[in-house]
Amino acid sequence: MIRKLLGRAYGKIHYFFYGPKRYRNIYRILQKTRPKRIMEIGVWTGERSIRMIETLKKYYAADAIDYYGFDLFEDLSDEQLVSEVSKKPPTKAQIQEKLEKTGANIHLFKGNTLETLPRETQSLPKMDFVFLDGGHSLETIENDWKYVKELMHEKTVVIFDDYWNRTNAGCKPLIDSLYKEGKYFVKVLQPQDTFQKEDGLLTINFALVRKQ
């Protein structure tokens, strides 16, 4: 048991110092804004979800934190895996069990956000913090933003992953259009991660969006 705990602790420390640097923005912003109600589109393994909840447990009792997670979970097909530039996730039941151990109030929604967000946002409360890292196709990102913005209040912080130097996928076209519109405060966050790909250097940032 001790060896297992030490292994997990080492993994977290190693990820913080050697993993993608842009993710540090999430925990810095959570510490600054201290939201109680958070939404994550793109739950995947739930590890990031746990880190977000544990960060907030420094300020609140676990049962005061509400977490809302959207993902395809086991419904992700091989075709969607390619079209959404995504990764194969665990099942919804596995993630539910995993996240409930944090003590927070866990609400998971399985399915394509093209269908789940239009349906669920009608009954969801306003969110304090939203992290968008679901499907990466332009259609999916535009759809997710369309409904996420309906859940924003005056102080809601929305973070987009995958502001990258590509225009055929990722959030760059959407973020750039929001910046030009001037209706929202938009900021591309540092640090930036870089990866060497077959088609050249890929640079990735987070982008922050708030109401003006």
N, C-alpha and C. Protein backbone atom coordinates (compact mmCIF):
# COMPACT_ATOMS: atom_id res chain seq x y z
N MET A 1 0.83 -1.20 0.00
CA MET A 1 0.00 0.00 0.00
C MET A 1 0.87 1.26 0.00
N ILE A 2 1.89 1.30 0.90
CA ILE A 2 2.77 2.47 0.97
C ILE A 2 3.50 2.67 -0.35
N ARG A 3 3.96 1.57 -0.94
CA ARG A 3 4.66 1.66 -2.22
C ARG A 3 3.74 2.21 -3.30
N LYS A 4 2.47 1.79 -3.26
CA LYS A 4 1.50 2.25 -4.23
C LYS A 4 1.25 3.75 -4.09
N LEU A 5 1.09 4.21 -2.83
CA LEU A 5 0.86 5.63 -2.57
C LEU A 5 2.06 6.47 -2.98
N LEU A 6 3.26 5.96 -2.67
CA LEU A 6 4.47 6.67 -3.05
C LEU A 6 4.59 6.75 -4.57
N GLY A 7 4.18 5.67 -5.25
CA GLY A 7 4.22 5.66 -6.70
C GLY A 7 3.29 6.69 -7.31
N ARG A 8 2.09 6.81 -6.75
CA ARG A 8 1.13 7.80 -7.25
C ARG A 8 1.63 9.21 -6.98
N ALA A 9 2.21 9.42 -5.79
CA ALA A 9 2.73 10.75 -5.45
C ALA A 9 3.86 11.12 -6.40
N TYR A 10 4.75 10.16 -6.67
CA TYR A 10 5.84 10.42 -7.61
C TYR A 10 5.29 10.75 -9.00
N GLY A 11 4.24 10.02 -9.40
CA GLY A 11 3.65 10.27 -10.71
C GLY A 11 3.10 11.67 -10.83
N LYS A 12 2.45 12.14 -9.77
CA LYS A 12 1.88 13.49 -9.80
C LYS A 12 2.98 14.54 -9.85
N ILE A 13 4.03 14.34 -9.04
CA ILE A 13 5.15 15.29 -9.03
C ILE A 13 5.84 15.30 -10.39
N HIS A 14 6.05 14.11 -10.94
CA HIS A 14 6.72 14.01 -12.25
C HIS A 14 5.88 14.69 -13.32
N TYR A 15 4.56 14.49 -13.27
CA TYR A 15 3.68 15.11 -14.26
C TYR A 15 3.73 16.63 -14.14
N PHE A 16 3.74 17.15 -12.90
CA PHE A 16 3.74 18.60 -12.71
C PHE A 16 5.00 19.23 -13.30
N PHE A 17 6.14 18.62 -13.08
CA PHE A 17 7.39 19.22 -13.53
C PHE A 17 7.75 18.87 -14.96
N TYR A 18 7.32 17.69 -15.43
CA TYR A 18 7.76 17.24 -16.75
C TYR A 18 6.61 17.05 -17.75
N GLY A 19 5.38 17.11 -17.29
CA GLY A 19 4.24 16.99 -18.18
C GLY A 19 4.01 18.31 -18.92
N PRO A 20 2.94 18.37 -19.74
CA PRO A 20 2.62 19.62 -20.44
C PRO A 20 2.48 20.79 -19.47
N LYS A 21 3.23 21.84 -19.71
CA LYS A 21 3.29 22.96 -18.77
C LYS A 21 2.01 23.78 -18.74
N ARG A 22 1.25 23.79 -19.85
CA ARG A 22 0.07 24.65 -19.91
C ARG A 22 -0.98 24.27 -18.87
N TYR A 23 -0.99 23.00 -18.41
CA TYR A 23 -2.01 22.55 -17.46
C TYR A 23 -1.87 23.20 -16.09
N ARG A 24 -0.72 23.77 -15.81
CA ARG A 24 -0.54 24.44 -14.52
C ARG A 24 -1.50 25.62 -14.38
N ASN A 25 -1.93 26.17 -15.52
CA ASN A 25 -2.88 27.29 -15.48
C ASN A 25 -4.17 26.92 -14.78
N ILE A 26 -4.62 25.67 -14.95
CA ILE A 26 -5.89 25.26 -14.35
C ILE A 26 -5.85 25.45 -12.84
N TYR A 27 -4.84 24.91 -12.21
CA TYR A 27 -4.78 24.91 -10.76
C TYR A 27 -4.46 26.31 -10.21
N ARG A 28 -3.68 27.07 -10.96
CA ARG A 28 -3.42 28.46 -10.56
C ARG A 28 -4.70 29.27 -10.57
N ILE A 29 -5.51 29.09 -11.61
CA ILE A 29 -6.77 29.84 -11.72
C ILE A 29 -7.78 29.37 -10.68
N LEU A 30 -7.82 28.07 -10.42
CA LEU A 30 -8.73 27.56 -9.39
C LEU A 30 -8.37 28.12 -8.02
N GLN A 31 -7.08 28.21 -7.73
CA GLN A 31 -6.64 28.75 -6.46
C GLN A 31 -6.99 30.24 -6.34
N LYS A 32 -6.97 30.92 -7.46
CA LYS A 32 -7.26 32.36 -7.46
C LYS A 32 -8.76 32.65 -7.38
N THR A 33 -9.56 31.91 -8.15
CA THR A 33 -11.00 32.20 -8.25
C THR A 33 -11.85 31.38 -7.28
N ARG A 34 -11.35 30.24 -6.83
CA ARG A 34 -12.01 29.38 -5.86
C ARG A 34 -13.48 29.09 -6.21
N PRO A 35 -13.73 28.50 -7.36
CA PRO A 35 -15.10 28.18 -7.75
C PRO A 35 -15.64 26.99 -6.95
N LYS A 36 -16.94 26.96 -6.78
CA LYS A 36 -17.58 25.82 -6.12
C LYS A 36 -18.25 24.91 -7.14
N ARG A 37 -18.60 25.46 -8.28
CA ARG A 37 -19.33 24.69 -9.29
C ARG A 37 -18.49 24.67 -10.57
N ILE A 38 -17.97 23.49 -10.92
CA ILE A 38 -17.08 23.40 -12.07
C ILE A 38 -17.61 22.40 -13.10
N MET A 39 -17.33 22.69 -14.35
CA MET A 39 -17.73 21.81 -15.45
C MET A 39 -16.50 21.47 -16.27
N GLU A 40 -16.45 20.21 -16.71
CA GLU A 40 -15.35 19.77 -17.55
C GLU A 40 -15.93 19.02 -18.75
N ILE A 41 -15.60 19.48 -19.94
CA ILE A 41 -16.01 18.79 -21.15
C ILE A 41 -14.78 18.07 -21.68
N GLY A 42 -14.79 16.76 -21.58
CA GLY A 42 -13.62 15.95 -21.90
C GLY A 42 -13.00 15.43 -20.62
N VAL A 43 -13.65 14.46 -20.00
CA VAL A 43 -13.22 13.94 -18.69
C VAL A 43 -12.05 12.97 -18.84
N TRP A 44 -12.11 12.13 -19.85
CA TRP A 44 -11.12 11.10 -20.17
C TRP A 44 -10.87 10.20 -18.96
N THR A 45 -9.66 10.18 -18.39
CA THR A 45 -9.37 9.25 -17.30
C THR A 45 -9.86 9.75 -15.93
N GLY A 46 -10.24 11.02 -15.84
CA GLY A 46 -10.68 11.59 -14.58
C GLY A 46 -9.56 12.06 -13.67
N GLU A 47 -8.31 11.86 -14.05
CA GLU A 47 -7.19 12.28 -13.20
C GLU A 47 -7.15 13.79 -13.03
N ARG A 48 -7.37 14.51 -14.13
CA ARG A 48 -7.39 15.97 -14.04
C ARG A 48 -8.58 16.43 -13.20
N SER A 49 -9.70 15.74 -13.34
CA SER A 49 -10.90 16.06 -12.56
C SER A 49 -10.60 15.96 -11.07
N ILE A 50 -9.91 14.90 -10.69
CA ILE A 50 -9.56 14.70 -9.28
C ILE A 50 -8.64 15.81 -8.80
N ARG A 51 -7.67 16.19 -9.61
CA ARG A 51 -6.75 17.26 -9.20
C ARG A 51 -7.49 18.58 -9.01
N MET A 52 -8.46 18.85 -9.88
CA MET A 52 -9.24 20.08 -9.74
C MET A 52 -10.03 20.06 -8.44
N ILE A 53 -10.70 18.95 -8.18
CA ILE A 53 -11.51 18.85 -6.96
C ILE A 53 -10.63 18.93 -5.72
N GLU A 54 -9.50 18.24 -5.73
CA GLU A 54 -8.60 18.26 -4.57
C GLU A 54 -8.04 19.66 -4.33
N THR A 55 -7.80 20.40 -5.41
CA THR A 55 -7.35 21.79 -5.26
C THR A 55 -8.39 22.61 -4.53
N LEU A 56 -9.67 22.43 -4.87
CA LEU A 56 -10.74 23.21 -4.26
C LEU A 56 -11.06 22.76 -2.84
N LYS A 57 -10.71 21.52 -2.51
CA LYS A 57 -10.96 21.03 -1.15
C LYS A 57 -10.06 21.71 -0.12
N LYS A 58 -9.09 22.48 -0.60
CA LYS A 58 -8.27 23.28 0.32
C LYS A 58 -9.09 24.44 0.89
N TYR A 59 -10.17 24.79 0.18
CA TYR A 59 -10.96 25.96 0.56
C TYR A 59 -12.37 25.62 1.01
N TYR A 60 -12.89 24.47 0.60
CA TYR A 60 -14.26 24.10 0.90
C TYR A 60 -14.34 22.64 1.36
N ALA A 61 -15.41 22.34 2.08
CA ALA A 61 -15.71 20.94 2.37
C ALA A 61 -16.02 20.25 1.05
N ALA A 62 -15.70 18.98 0.94
CA ALA A 62 -15.88 18.25 -0.31
C ALA A 62 -17.31 18.33 -0.82
N ASP A 63 -18.28 18.20 0.10
CA ASP A 63 -19.68 18.18 -0.33
C ASP A 63 -20.23 19.55 -0.71
N ALA A 64 -19.36 20.57 -0.64
CA ALA A 64 -19.76 21.90 -1.10
C ALA A 64 -19.35 22.13 -2.56
N ILE A 65 -18.65 21.15 -3.12
CA ILE A 65 -18.14 21.27 -4.49
C ILE A 65 -19.00 20.43 -5.43
N ASP A 66 -19.46 21.05 -6.52
CA ASP A 66 -20.24 20.36 -7.53
C ASP A 66 -19.42 20.24 -8.81
N TYR A 67 -19.29 19.01 -9.28
CA TYR A 67 -18.53 18.74 -10.50
C TYR A 67 -19.47 18.17 -11.56
N TYR A 68 -19.41 18.76 -12.77
CA TYR A 68 -20.21 18.31 -13.90
C TYR A 68 -19.27 17.91 -15.04
N GLY A 69 -19.35 16.65 -15.45
CA GLY A 69 -18.43 16.16 -16.49
C GLY A 69 -19.16 15.59 -17.68
N PHE A 70 -18.73 15.99 -18.87
CA PHE A 70 -19.32 15.51 -20.12
C PHE A 70 -18.27 14.74 -20.92
N ASP A 71 -18.64 13.58 -21.42
CA ASP A 71 -17.74 12.81 -22.27
C ASP A 71 -18.53 11.73 -22.97
N LEU A 72 -17.92 11.17 -24.01
CA LEU A 72 -18.51 10.02 -24.68
C LEU A 72 -18.31 8.74 -23.87
N PHE A 73 -17.27 8.74 -23.06
CA PHE A 73 -16.90 7.56 -22.29
C PHE A 73 -16.80 6.35 -23.22
N GLU A 74 -17.42 5.23 -22.85
CA GLU A 74 -17.28 4.01 -23.65
C GLU A 74 -18.00 4.07 -24.99
N ASP A 75 -18.80 5.12 -25.22
CA ASP A 75 -19.52 5.25 -26.49
C ASP A 75 -18.65 5.79 -27.62
N LEU A 76 -17.42 6.18 -27.31
CA LEU A 76 -16.54 6.72 -28.34
C LEU A 76 -16.20 5.64 -29.37
N SER A 77 -16.59 5.88 -30.61
CA SER A 77 -16.32 4.93 -31.67
C SER A 77 -14.94 5.16 -32.27
N ASP A 78 -14.46 4.18 -33.02
CA ASP A 78 -13.17 4.33 -33.68
C ASP A 78 -13.19 5.47 -34.68
N GLU A 79 -14.33 5.67 -35.33
CA GLU A 79 -14.47 6.77 -36.30
C GLU A 79 -14.38 8.11 -35.60
N GLN A 80 -15.07 8.25 -34.45
CA GLN A 80 -15.02 9.50 -33.70
C GLN A 80 -13.64 9.72 -33.11
N LEU A 81 -12.97 8.65 -32.76
CA LEU A 81 -11.62 8.73 -32.22
C LEU A 81 -10.71 9.48 -33.19
N VAL A 82 -10.91 9.25 -34.48
CA VAL A 82 -10.11 9.90 -35.51
C VAL A 82 -10.63 11.31 -35.80
N SER A 83 -11.93 11.45 -36.01
CA SER A 83 -12.49 12.75 -36.42
C SER A 83 -12.37 13.81 -35.35
N GLU A 84 -12.41 13.41 -34.08
CA GLU A 84 -12.32 14.37 -32.99
C GLU A 84 -10.90 14.51 -32.45
N VAL A 85 -9.94 13.85 -33.08
CA VAL A 85 -8.54 13.87 -32.63
C VAL A 85 -8.50 13.57 -31.13
N SER A 86 -9.12 12.46 -30.74
CA SER A 86 -9.32 12.17 -29.34
C SER A 86 -8.56 10.93 -28.89
N LYS A 87 -8.82 10.51 -27.65
CA LYS A 87 -8.17 9.34 -27.06
C LYS A 87 -9.25 8.45 -26.44
N LYS A 88 -9.00 7.15 -26.40
CA LYS A 88 -9.96 6.19 -25.89
C LYS A 88 -10.11 6.32 -24.38
N PRO A 89 -11.34 6.60 -23.88
CA PRO A 89 -11.53 6.81 -22.45
C PRO A 89 -12.02 5.56 -21.72
N PRO A 90 -12.00 5.58 -20.37
CA PRO A 90 -12.61 4.52 -19.57
C PRO A 90 -14.14 4.63 -19.65
N THR A 91 -14.86 3.73 -18.97
CA THR A 91 -16.32 3.78 -18.98
C THR A 91 -16.82 4.84 -18.00
N LYS A 92 -18.07 5.21 -18.19
CA LYS A 92 -18.69 6.19 -17.29
C LYS A 92 -18.74 5.65 -15.86
N ALA A 93 -19.09 4.38 -15.71
CA ALA A 93 -19.18 3.78 -14.38
C ALA A 93 -17.84 3.80 -13.67
N GLN A 94 -16.78 3.52 -14.39
CA GLN A 94 -15.44 3.55 -13.80
C GLN A 94 -15.07 4.95 -13.32
N ILE A 95 -15.38 5.95 -14.14
CA ILE A 95 -15.07 7.33 -13.77
C ILE A 95 -15.95 7.79 -12.60
N GLN A 96 -17.22 7.42 -12.61
CA GLN A 96 -18.13 7.80 -11.53
C GLN A 96 -17.59 7.29 -10.19
N GLU A 97 -17.22 6.02 -10.15
CA GLU A 97 -16.68 5.43 -8.93
C GLU A 97 -15.39 6.12 -8.50
N LYS A 98 -14.56 6.42 -9.46
CA LYS A 98 -13.27 7.06 -9.19
C LYS A 98 -13.45 8.46 -8.61
N LEU A 99 -14.34 9.25 -9.19
CA LEU A 99 -14.51 10.63 -8.76
C LEU A 99 -15.29 10.75 -7.46
N GLU A 100 -16.20 9.82 -7.22
CA GLU A 100 -16.99 9.88 -5.98
C GLU A 100 -16.12 9.72 -4.74
N LYS A 101 -14.94 9.14 -4.90
CA LYS A 101 -14.02 8.98 -3.77
C LYS A 101 -13.50 10.33 -3.26
N THR A 102 -13.63 11.38 -4.06
CA THR A 102 -13.20 12.71 -3.62
C THR A 102 -14.16 13.30 -2.60
N GLY A 103 -15.41 12.79 -2.57
CA GLY A 103 -16.42 13.33 -1.66
C GLY A 103 -17.23 14.46 -2.26
N ALA A 104 -16.84 14.93 -3.45
CA ALA A 104 -17.59 16.01 -4.11
C ALA A 104 -18.88 15.46 -4.73
N ASN A 105 -19.77 16.36 -5.11
CA ASN A 105 -21.00 15.98 -5.77
C ASN A 105 -20.70 15.80 -7.26
N ILE A 106 -20.81 14.57 -7.74
CA ILE A 106 -20.38 14.24 -9.10
C ILE A 106 -21.60 14.03 -10.01
N HIS A 107 -21.59 14.75 -11.15
CA HIS A 107 -22.66 14.64 -12.13
C HIS A 107 -22.02 14.37 -13.49
N LEU A 108 -22.19 13.17 -14.02
CA LEU A 108 -21.59 12.81 -15.30
C LEU A 108 -22.66 12.64 -16.37
N PHE A 109 -22.32 13.05 -17.59
CA PHE A 109 -23.25 12.97 -18.72
C PHE A 109 -22.55 12.29 -19.88
N LYS A 110 -23.11 11.16 -20.30
CA LYS A 110 -22.50 10.38 -21.37
C LYS A 110 -23.17 10.65 -22.71
N GLY A 111 -22.34 10.84 -23.74
CA GLY A 111 -22.86 11.02 -25.08
C GLY A 111 -22.14 12.13 -25.82
N ASN A 112 -22.48 12.28 -27.07
CA ASN A 112 -21.90 13.34 -27.90
C ASN A 112 -22.45 14.68 -27.44
N THR A 113 -21.57 15.65 -27.21
CA THR A 113 -22.04 16.95 -26.71
C THR A 113 -22.90 17.70 -27.73
N LEU A 114 -22.87 17.26 -28.99
CA LEU A 114 -23.80 17.82 -29.97
C LEU A 114 -25.24 17.52 -29.56
N GLU A 115 -25.40 16.46 -28.76
CA GLU A 115 -26.73 16.06 -28.29
C GLU A 115 -26.93 16.34 -26.80
N THR A 116 -25.92 16.05 -25.99
CA THR A 116 -26.09 16.16 -24.53
C THR A 116 -26.14 17.61 -24.05
N LEU A 117 -25.31 18.48 -24.60
CA LEU A 117 -25.31 19.87 -24.12
C LEU A 117 -26.62 20.60 -24.43
N PRO A 118 -27.17 20.50 -25.65
CA PRO A 118 -28.46 21.15 -25.90
C PRO A 118 -29.56 20.66 -24.95
N ARG A 119 -29.48 19.39 -24.59
CA ARG A 119 -30.51 18.82 -23.71
C ARG A 119 -30.27 19.19 -22.25
N GLU A 120 -29.06 19.07 -21.77
CA GLU A 120 -28.78 19.21 -20.34
C GLU A 120 -28.66 20.66 -19.88
N THR A 121 -28.21 21.55 -20.74
CA THR A 121 -28.02 22.94 -20.29
C THR A 121 -29.33 23.61 -19.91
N GLN A 122 -30.44 23.06 -20.34
CA GLN A 122 -31.74 23.64 -19.99
C GLN A 122 -32.02 23.53 -18.49
N SER A 123 -31.42 22.54 -17.84
CA SER A 123 -31.68 22.34 -16.41
C SER A 123 -30.44 22.52 -15.53
N LEU A 124 -29.29 22.79 -16.13
CA LEU A 124 -28.07 22.96 -15.35
C LEU A 124 -27.99 24.36 -14.74
N PRO A 125 -27.33 24.51 -13.59
CA PRO A 125 -27.13 25.83 -12.99
C PRO A 125 -25.98 26.56 -13.69
N LYS A 126 -25.81 27.83 -13.38
CA LYS A 126 -24.68 28.58 -13.88
C LYS A 126 -23.39 28.01 -13.28
N MET A 127 -22.34 28.00 -14.08
CA MET A 127 -21.06 27.45 -13.64
C MET A 127 -20.10 28.57 -13.25
N ASP A 128 -19.20 28.24 -12.31
CA ASP A 128 -18.17 29.20 -11.91
C ASP A 128 -16.89 29.04 -12.73
N PHE A 129 -16.66 27.80 -13.17
CA PHE A 129 -15.44 27.48 -13.92
C PHE A 129 -15.75 26.37 -14.91
N VAL A 130 -15.29 26.54 -16.16
CA VAL A 130 -15.51 25.53 -17.19
C VAL A 130 -14.18 25.25 -17.89
N PHE A 131 -13.87 23.98 -18.03
CA PHE A 131 -12.68 23.59 -18.79
C PHE A 131 -13.14 22.80 -20.01
N LEU A 132 -12.79 23.30 -21.20
CA LEU A 132 -13.21 22.70 -22.46
C LEU A 132 -12.05 21.96 -23.11
N ASP A 133 -12.16 20.63 -23.12
CA ASP A 133 -11.13 19.80 -23.73
C ASP A 133 -11.76 18.51 -24.24
N GLY A 134 -12.88 18.66 -24.94
CA GLY A 134 -13.59 17.50 -25.46
C GLY A 134 -13.17 17.20 -26.89
N GLY A 135 -14.17 17.06 -27.77
CA GLY A 135 -13.86 16.84 -29.17
C GLY A 135 -13.14 18.04 -29.76
N HIS A 136 -12.24 17.80 -30.70
CA HIS A 136 -11.40 18.86 -31.23
C HIS A 136 -11.80 19.32 -32.63
N SER A 137 -12.86 18.75 -33.18
CA SER A 137 -13.32 19.21 -34.49
C SER A 137 -13.91 20.61 -34.35
N LEU A 138 -13.87 21.39 -35.42
CA LEU A 138 -14.40 22.75 -35.37
C LEU A 138 -15.88 22.74 -35.04
N GLU A 139 -16.63 21.79 -35.59
CA GLU A 139 -18.06 21.70 -35.35
C GLU A 139 -18.35 21.47 -33.87
N THR A 140 -17.62 20.54 -33.25
CA THR A 140 -17.85 20.22 -31.85
C THR A 140 -17.49 21.38 -30.94
N ILE A 141 -16.37 22.02 -31.19
CA ILE A 141 -15.94 23.14 -30.35
C ILE A 141 -16.92 24.29 -30.43
N GLU A 142 -17.41 24.61 -31.62
CA GLU A 142 -18.39 25.68 -31.78
C GLU A 142 -19.69 25.34 -31.06
N ASN A 143 -20.09 24.08 -31.15
CA ASN A 143 -21.31 23.64 -30.44
C ASN A 143 -21.12 23.75 -28.93
N ASP A 144 -19.98 23.27 -28.43
CA ASP A 144 -19.74 23.30 -26.99
C ASP A 144 -19.75 24.73 -26.46
N TRP A 145 -19.13 25.63 -27.18
CA TRP A 145 -19.12 27.03 -26.76
C TRP A 145 -20.52 27.63 -26.79
N LYS A 146 -21.31 27.29 -27.79
CA LYS A 146 -22.67 27.82 -27.92
C LYS A 146 -23.48 27.58 -26.66
N TYR A 147 -23.31 26.40 -26.06
CA TYR A 147 -24.09 26.08 -24.87
C TYR A 147 -23.37 26.43 -23.58
N VAL A 148 -22.07 26.36 -23.57
CA VAL A 148 -21.32 26.75 -22.37
C VAL A 148 -21.55 28.23 -22.05
N LYS A 149 -21.59 29.07 -23.06
CA LYS A 149 -21.75 30.51 -22.79
C LYS A 149 -23.11 30.81 -22.16
N GLU A 150 -24.08 29.91 -22.34
CA GLU A 150 -25.38 30.07 -21.70
C GLU A 150 -25.31 29.77 -20.20
N LEU A 151 -24.25 29.12 -19.77
CA LEU A 151 -24.09 28.75 -18.37
C LEU A 151 -23.13 29.68 -17.63
N MET A 152 -22.73 30.76 -18.28
CA MET A 152 -21.80 31.71 -17.66
C MET A 152 -22.55 32.78 -16.88
N HIS A 153 -22.00 33.14 -15.72
CA HIS A 153 -22.44 34.34 -15.02
C HIS A 153 -21.32 35.38 -15.15
N GLU A 154 -21.44 36.48 -14.46
CA GLU A 154 -20.51 37.60 -14.67
C GLU A 154 -19.06 37.26 -14.31
N LYS A 155 -18.86 36.29 -13.42
CA LYS A 155 -17.49 35.97 -12.99
C LYS A 155 -17.01 34.61 -13.47
N THR A 156 -17.78 33.94 -14.31
CA THR A 156 -17.38 32.61 -14.79
C THR A 156 -16.10 32.69 -15.61
N VAL A 157 -15.19 31.76 -15.36
CA VAL A 157 -13.97 31.63 -16.14
C VAL A 157 -14.08 30.38 -17.00
N VAL A 158 -13.88 30.54 -18.31
CA VAL A 158 -13.88 29.42 -19.23
C VAL A 158 -12.48 29.26 -19.81
N ILE A 159 -11.95 28.05 -19.72
CA ILE A 159 -10.62 27.76 -20.26
C ILE A 159 -10.76 26.76 -21.41
N PHE A 160 -10.23 27.13 -22.56
CA PHE A 160 -10.17 26.24 -23.72
C PHE A 160 -8.78 25.64 -23.82
N ASP A 161 -8.71 24.33 -24.01
CA ASP A 161 -7.44 23.72 -24.37
C ASP A 161 -7.32 23.73 -25.89
N ASP A 162 -6.13 23.43 -26.37
CA ASP A 162 -5.88 23.23 -27.81
C ASP A 162 -6.07 24.49 -28.66
N TYR A 163 -5.55 25.61 -28.14
CA TYR A 163 -5.36 26.77 -28.99
C TYR A 163 -4.01 26.52 -29.66
N TRP A 164 -4.08 25.89 -30.82
CA TRP A 164 -2.85 25.47 -31.48
C TRP A 164 -2.69 26.10 -32.85
N ASN A 165 -1.50 25.97 -33.42
CA ASN A 165 -1.18 26.61 -34.70
C ASN A 165 -1.67 25.77 -35.88
N ARG A 166 -2.96 25.42 -35.81
CA ARG A 166 -3.66 24.72 -36.87
C ARG A 166 -5.04 25.36 -37.00
N THR A 167 -5.62 25.32 -38.18
CA THR A 167 -6.95 25.91 -38.35
C THR A 167 -8.00 24.89 -38.78
N ASN A 168 -7.58 23.65 -39.00
CA ASN A 168 -8.54 22.62 -39.42
C ASN A 168 -9.16 21.90 -38.23
N ALA A 169 -8.69 22.17 -37.03
CA ALA A 169 -9.21 21.59 -35.79
C ALA A 169 -8.68 22.44 -34.64
N GLY A 170 -9.23 22.18 -33.43
CA GLY A 170 -8.81 22.99 -32.29
C GLY A 170 -9.62 24.27 -32.18
N CYS A 171 -9.36 25.04 -31.12
CA CYS A 171 -10.20 26.20 -30.82
C CYS A 171 -9.69 27.51 -31.39
N LYS A 172 -8.57 27.53 -32.08
CA LYS A 172 -7.99 28.79 -32.54
C LYS A 172 -8.95 29.63 -33.39
N PRO A 173 -9.62 29.05 -34.38
CA PRO A 173 -10.55 29.88 -35.18
C PRO A 173 -11.64 30.52 -34.32
N LEU A 174 -12.18 29.77 -33.37
CA LEU A 174 -13.23 30.31 -32.50
C LEU A 174 -12.69 31.40 -31.59
N ILE A 175 -11.57 31.14 -30.94
CA ILE A 175 -10.99 32.13 -30.01
C ILE A 175 -10.62 33.41 -30.75
N ASP A 176 -10.05 33.29 -31.92
CA ASP A 176 -9.68 34.47 -32.70
C ASP A 176 -10.91 35.28 -33.09
N SER A 177 -12.01 34.59 -33.39
CA SER A 177 -13.25 35.31 -33.75
C SER A 177 -13.84 36.01 -32.53
N LEU A 178 -13.74 35.39 -31.35
CA LEU A 178 -14.24 36.03 -30.13
C LEU A 178 -13.43 37.27 -29.80
N TYR A 179 -12.14 37.19 -30.03
CA TYR A 179 -11.26 38.34 -29.77
C TYR A 179 -11.64 39.51 -30.67
N LYS A 180 -11.93 39.22 -31.93
CA LYS A 180 -12.30 40.28 -32.88
C LYS A 180 -13.67 40.88 -32.56
N GLU A 181 -14.58 40.06 -32.05
CA GLU A 181 -15.92 40.55 -31.72
C GLU A 181 -15.88 41.57 -30.59
N GLY A 182 -15.01 41.36 -29.62
CA GLY A 182 -14.88 42.30 -28.52
C GLY A 182 -15.96 42.19 -27.45
N LYS A 183 -16.76 41.14 -27.49
CA LYS A 183 -17.83 40.97 -26.51
C LYS A 183 -17.34 40.25 -25.25
N TYR A 184 -16.19 39.58 -25.37
CA TYR A 184 -15.64 38.83 -24.25
C TYR A 184 -14.19 39.24 -24.02
N PHE A 185 -13.76 39.08 -22.76
CA PHE A 185 -12.34 39.23 -22.46
C PHE A 185 -11.67 37.91 -22.87
N VAL A 186 -10.68 37.99 -23.74
CA VAL A 186 -10.02 36.80 -24.27
C VAL A 186 -8.51 36.94 -24.05
N LYS A 187 -7.90 35.88 -23.55
CA LYS A 187 -6.46 35.91 -23.34
C LYS A 187 -5.86 34.54 -23.63
N VAL A 188 -4.84 34.50 -24.47
CA VAL A 188 -4.10 33.27 -24.72
C VAL A 188 -3.05 33.16 -23.61
N LEU A 189 -3.09 32.05 -22.89
CA LEU A 189 -2.26 31.89 -21.69
C LEU A 189 -0.91 31.25 -21.99
N GLN A 190 0.06 31.65 -21.23
CA GLN A 190 1.38 31.01 -21.23
C GLN A 190 1.49 30.16 -19.97
N PRO A 191 2.30 29.13 -19.94
CA PRO A 191 3.28 28.75 -20.95
C PRO A 191 2.67 27.99 -22.11
N GLN A 192 3.45 27.86 -23.15
CA GLN A 192 3.07 27.15 -24.36
C GLN A 192 3.82 25.82 -24.42
N ASP A 193 3.11 24.78 -24.87
CA ASP A 193 3.76 23.48 -25.08
C ASP A 193 4.03 23.30 -26.57
N THR A 194 5.13 22.65 -26.88
CA THR A 194 5.49 22.41 -28.28
C THR A 194 5.79 20.94 -28.49
N PHE A 195 5.36 20.43 -29.63
CA PHE A 195 5.56 19.03 -29.97
C PHE A 195 5.95 18.93 -31.44
N GLN A 196 6.91 18.08 -31.72
CA GLN A 196 7.32 17.86 -33.09
C GLN A 196 6.43 16.79 -33.72
N LYS A 197 5.69 17.15 -34.76
CA LYS A 197 4.79 16.24 -35.46
C LYS A 197 5.30 16.01 -36.88
N GLU A 198 4.68 15.04 -37.54
CA GLU A 198 5.08 14.73 -38.91
C GLU A 198 4.88 15.91 -39.85
N ASP A 199 3.85 16.73 -39.57
CA ASP A 199 3.57 17.87 -40.44
C ASP A 199 4.18 19.17 -39.91
N GLY A 200 5.09 19.06 -38.97
CA GLY A 200 5.77 20.25 -38.46
C GLY A 200 5.57 20.44 -36.97
N LEU A 201 6.04 21.57 -36.47
CA LEU A 201 5.98 21.86 -35.04
C LEU A 201 4.54 22.24 -34.64
N LEU A 202 4.04 21.59 -33.60
CA LEU A 202 2.72 21.89 -33.07
C LEU A 202 2.89 22.66 -31.77
N THR A 203 2.30 23.84 -31.69
CA THR A 203 2.32 24.64 -30.47
C THR A 203 0.92 24.68 -29.88
N ILE A 204 0.83 24.53 -28.56
CA ILE A 204 -0.47 24.48 -27.90
C ILE A 204 -0.49 25.39 -26.69
N ASN A 205 -1.53 26.22 -26.60
CA ASN A 205 -1.76 27.08 -25.46
C ASN A 205 -3.17 26.84 -24.91
N PHE A 206 -3.39 27.33 -23.71
CA PHE A 206 -4.75 27.49 -23.20
C PHE A 206 -5.23 28.87 -23.60
N ALA A 207 -6.55 29.02 -23.73
CA ALA A 207 -7.16 30.33 -23.96
C ALA A 207 -8.22 30.57 -22.90
N LEU A 208 -8.20 31.73 -22.27
CA LEU A 208 -9.15 32.08 -21.24
C LEU A 208 -10.20 33.03 -21.81
N VAL A 209 -11.47 32.78 -21.43
CA VAL A 209 -12.57 33.64 -21.89
C VAL A 209 -13.45 33.98 -20.69
N ARG A 210 -13.76 35.27 -20.56
CA ARG A 210 -14.71 35.75 -19.53
C ARG A 210 -15.63 36.78 -20.16
N LYS A 211 -16.72 37.04 -19.49
CA LYS A 211 -17.59 38.13 -19.93
C LYS A 211 -16.89 39.46 -19.67
N GLN A 212 -17.13 40.43 -20.55
CA GLN A 212 -16.53 41.75 -20.36
C GLN A 212 -17.18 42.47 -19.18
